[in-house]
């Protein structure tokens, strides 16, 4: 009894060569850009949160009620500059009861998040605006402020 082995010459089960490599590279590049975008948003969020925190601390620690808002906005923009952001693109606002004992004051800092950050080029494009807010009470027992504490 003679056995004959038949070898298959069709392309069934053939894995793509160069096309598979290109598709893999496309997925790699798209994934890398997605991670870079996510990191840029997280970094911008950290910068705005720190700027709002520093600004509100400057506001409640101010000695002059007429200069408190200006000093707070300046401190927030300086913090953004320390994080490598351009303060001209920031939207910084202070709201609340002012520099009065027990008043709640809120600072909001908004900054457009870049699509991604490239070395030597910096931020490339803008997609969404990241906003962070910080709120704090003016110390009721602080010296240098007029009036009496009316905190609940």
Protein backbone atom coordinates (compact mmCIF):
# COMPACT_ATOMS: atom_id res chain seq x y z
CA UNK A 1 0.00 0.00 0.00
CA UNK A 2 1.51 3.20 -1.13
CA UNK A 3 0.76 6.44 0.69
CA UNK A 4 0.77 9.74 -1.05
CA UNK A 5 1.26 12.97 0.83
CA UNK A 6 -0.30 15.96 -0.66
CA UNK A 7 1.16 19.34 0.18
CA UNK A 8 -1.06 22.33 0.11
CA UNK A 9 0.05 25.14 -2.16
CA UNK A 10 -2.72 27.64 -1.44
CA UNK A 11 -2.35 30.64 0.86
CA UNK A 12 -4.82 29.56 3.49
CA UNK A 13 -3.60 30.57 6.93
CA UNK A 14 -0.95 32.91 5.56
CA UNK A 15 -0.18 35.79 7.89
CA UNK A 16 0.24 39.14 6.23
CA UNK A 17 3.75 40.40 5.95
CA UNK A 18 4.36 44.05 5.32
CA UNK A 19 0.66 45.00 5.74
CA UNK A 20 0.66 43.54 9.25
CA UNK A 21 3.78 45.49 10.11
CA UNK A 22 2.21 48.76 8.87
CA UNK A 23 -0.99 48.12 10.81
CA UNK A 24 1.02 47.39 13.95
CA UNK A 25 2.99 50.61 13.53
CA UNK A 26 -0.25 52.54 13.02
CA UNK A 27 -1.63 51.16 16.27
CA UNK A 28 1.62 51.92 18.07
CA UNK A 29 1.71 55.54 16.88
CA UNK A 30 -1.99 56.09 17.64
CA UNK A 31 -1.58 54.61 21.11
CA UNK A 32 1.48 56.73 21.81
CA UNK A 33 -0.34 59.90 20.75
CA UNK A 34 -3.31 58.98 22.94
CA UNK A 35 -1.06 58.48 25.97
CA UNK A 36 0.78 61.74 25.24
CA UNK A 37 -2.55 63.60 25.02
CA UNK A 38 -3.76 62.09 28.29
CA UNK A 39 -0.51 63.07 29.99
CA UNK A 40 -0.76 66.65 28.67
CA UNK A 41 -4.27 66.96 30.15
CA UNK A 42 -3.14 65.54 33.51
CA UNK A 43 -0.13 67.87 33.57
CA UNK A 44 -2.30 70.89 32.74
CA UNK A 45 -4.75 69.87 35.44
CA UNK A 46 -1.94 69.72 37.99
CA UNK A 47 -0.68 73.14 36.91
CA UNK A 48 -4.11 74.79 37.19
CA UNK A 49 -4.81 73.13 40.57
CA UNK A 50 -1.51 74.35 41.98
CA UNK A 51 -2.07 77.85 40.56
CA UNK A 52 -5.55 78.06 42.11
CA UNK A 53 -4.21 76.80 45.46
CA UNK A 54 -1.35 79.30 45.50
CA UNK A 55 -3.60 82.15 44.40
CA UNK A 56 -6.23 81.57 47.07
CA UNK A 57 -3.56 81.23 49.78
CA UNK A 58 -2.14 84.57 48.65
CA UNK A 59 -5.60 86.14 48.75
CA UNK A 60 -6.51 85.07 52.29
CA UNK A 61 -3.02 85.98 53.54
CA UNK A 62 -3.08 89.50 52.09
CA UNK A 63 -2.90 92.50 54.40
CA UNK A 64 -4.70 94.98 52.16
CA UNK A 65 -8.23 94.18 50.96
CA UNK A 66 -7.89 96.44 47.92
CA UNK A 67 -4.77 94.61 46.70
CA UNK A 68 -5.74 91.04 47.66
CA UNK A 69 -7.38 90.15 44.36
CA UNK A 70 -4.55 91.59 42.27
CA UNK A 71 -1.92 89.80 44.35
CA UNK A 72 -3.83 86.50 44.12
CA UNK A 73 -4.17 86.67 40.34
CA UNK A 74 -0.49 87.55 40.04
CA UNK A 75 0.48 84.60 42.25
CA UNK A 76 -1.67 82.21 40.20
CA UNK A 77 -0.15 83.39 36.93
CA UNK A 78 3.36 83.18 38.38
CA UNK A 79 2.67 79.58 39.41
CA UNK A 80 1.52 78.75 35.88
CA UNK A 81 4.72 80.29 34.54
CA UNK A 82 6.74 78.09 36.91
CA UNK A 83 4.94 75.06 35.46
CA UNK A 84 6.05 76.12 31.98
CA UNK A 85 2.71 77.54 30.90
CA UNK A 86 2.11 80.90 29.26
CA UNK A 87 0.12 83.02 31.76
CA UNK A 88 -1.37 85.07 28.90
CA UNK A 89 -3.52 82.06 27.91
CA UNK A 90 -4.88 81.59 31.45
CA UNK A 91 -8.27 82.76 32.65
CA UNK A 92 -7.99 83.53 36.37
CA UNK A 93 -10.88 84.81 38.48
CA UNK A 94 -11.58 85.43 42.16
CA UNK A 95 -15.10 85.36 43.53
CA UNK A 96 -16.66 85.44 46.97
CA UNK A 97 -17.09 87.70 49.93
CA UNK A 98 -13.77 89.52 49.78
CA UNK A 99 -11.14 89.87 52.48
CA UNK A 100 -13.56 89.80 55.43
CA UNK A 101 -13.47 87.48 58.42
CA UNK A 102 -15.22 84.14 57.74
CA UNK A 103 -15.87 84.98 54.07
CA UNK A 104 -15.57 82.10 51.61
CA UNK A 105 -13.40 83.05 48.65
CA UNK A 106 -13.04 80.92 45.51
CA UNK A 107 -10.39 81.14 42.82
CA UNK A 108 -10.82 79.52 39.41
CA UNK A 109 -7.98 78.99 36.95
CA UNK A 110 -8.64 77.82 33.37
CA UNK A 111 -6.00 76.90 30.83
CA UNK A 112 -6.26 75.23 27.40
CA UNK A 113 -4.69 71.77 27.42
CA UNK A 114 -2.34 71.05 24.50
CA UNK A 115 -2.93 68.14 22.15
CA UNK A 116 0.58 66.97 22.97
CA UNK A 117 3.94 68.34 24.01
CA UNK A 118 6.95 67.96 21.72
CA UNK A 119 10.55 68.40 22.81
CA UNK A 120 12.07 71.70 21.64
CA UNK A 121 8.67 72.82 20.28
CA UNK A 122 6.55 72.84 23.42
CA UNK A 123 2.77 72.70 23.30
CA UNK A 124 1.21 71.73 19.98
CA UNK A 125 -2.46 72.57 19.40
CA UNK A 126 -5.22 72.94 21.98
CA UNK A 127 -8.19 70.67 22.50
CA UNK A 128 -10.03 71.26 25.76
CA UNK A 129 -9.87 73.81 28.54
CA UNK A 130 -8.97 72.49 31.98
CA UNK A 131 -10.44 74.38 34.94
CA UNK A 132 -9.48 74.04 38.60
CA UNK A 133 -11.05 75.81 41.56
CA UNK A 134 -9.92 76.26 45.11
CA UNK A 135 -12.02 77.66 47.94
CA UNK A 136 -10.99 78.82 51.38
CA UNK A 137 -12.39 80.70 54.36
CA UNK A 138 -10.72 83.87 55.58
CA UNK A 139 -9.38 83.18 59.06
CA UNK A 140 -11.81 84.56 61.67
CA UNK A 141 -9.05 85.14 64.25
CA UNK A 142 -6.55 86.77 61.94
CA UNK A 143 -5.15 90.12 63.00
CA UNK A 144 -5.29 93.13 60.73
CA UNK A 145 -8.89 92.70 59.52
CA UNK A 146 -11.80 94.86 60.59
CA UNK A 147 -15.03 93.53 62.02
CA UNK A 148 -15.89 90.55 64.20
CA UNK A 149 -16.03 86.89 63.32
CA UNK A 150 -19.49 85.69 62.30
CA UNK A 151 -18.65 82.11 61.32
CA UNK A 152 -21.39 79.57 62.06
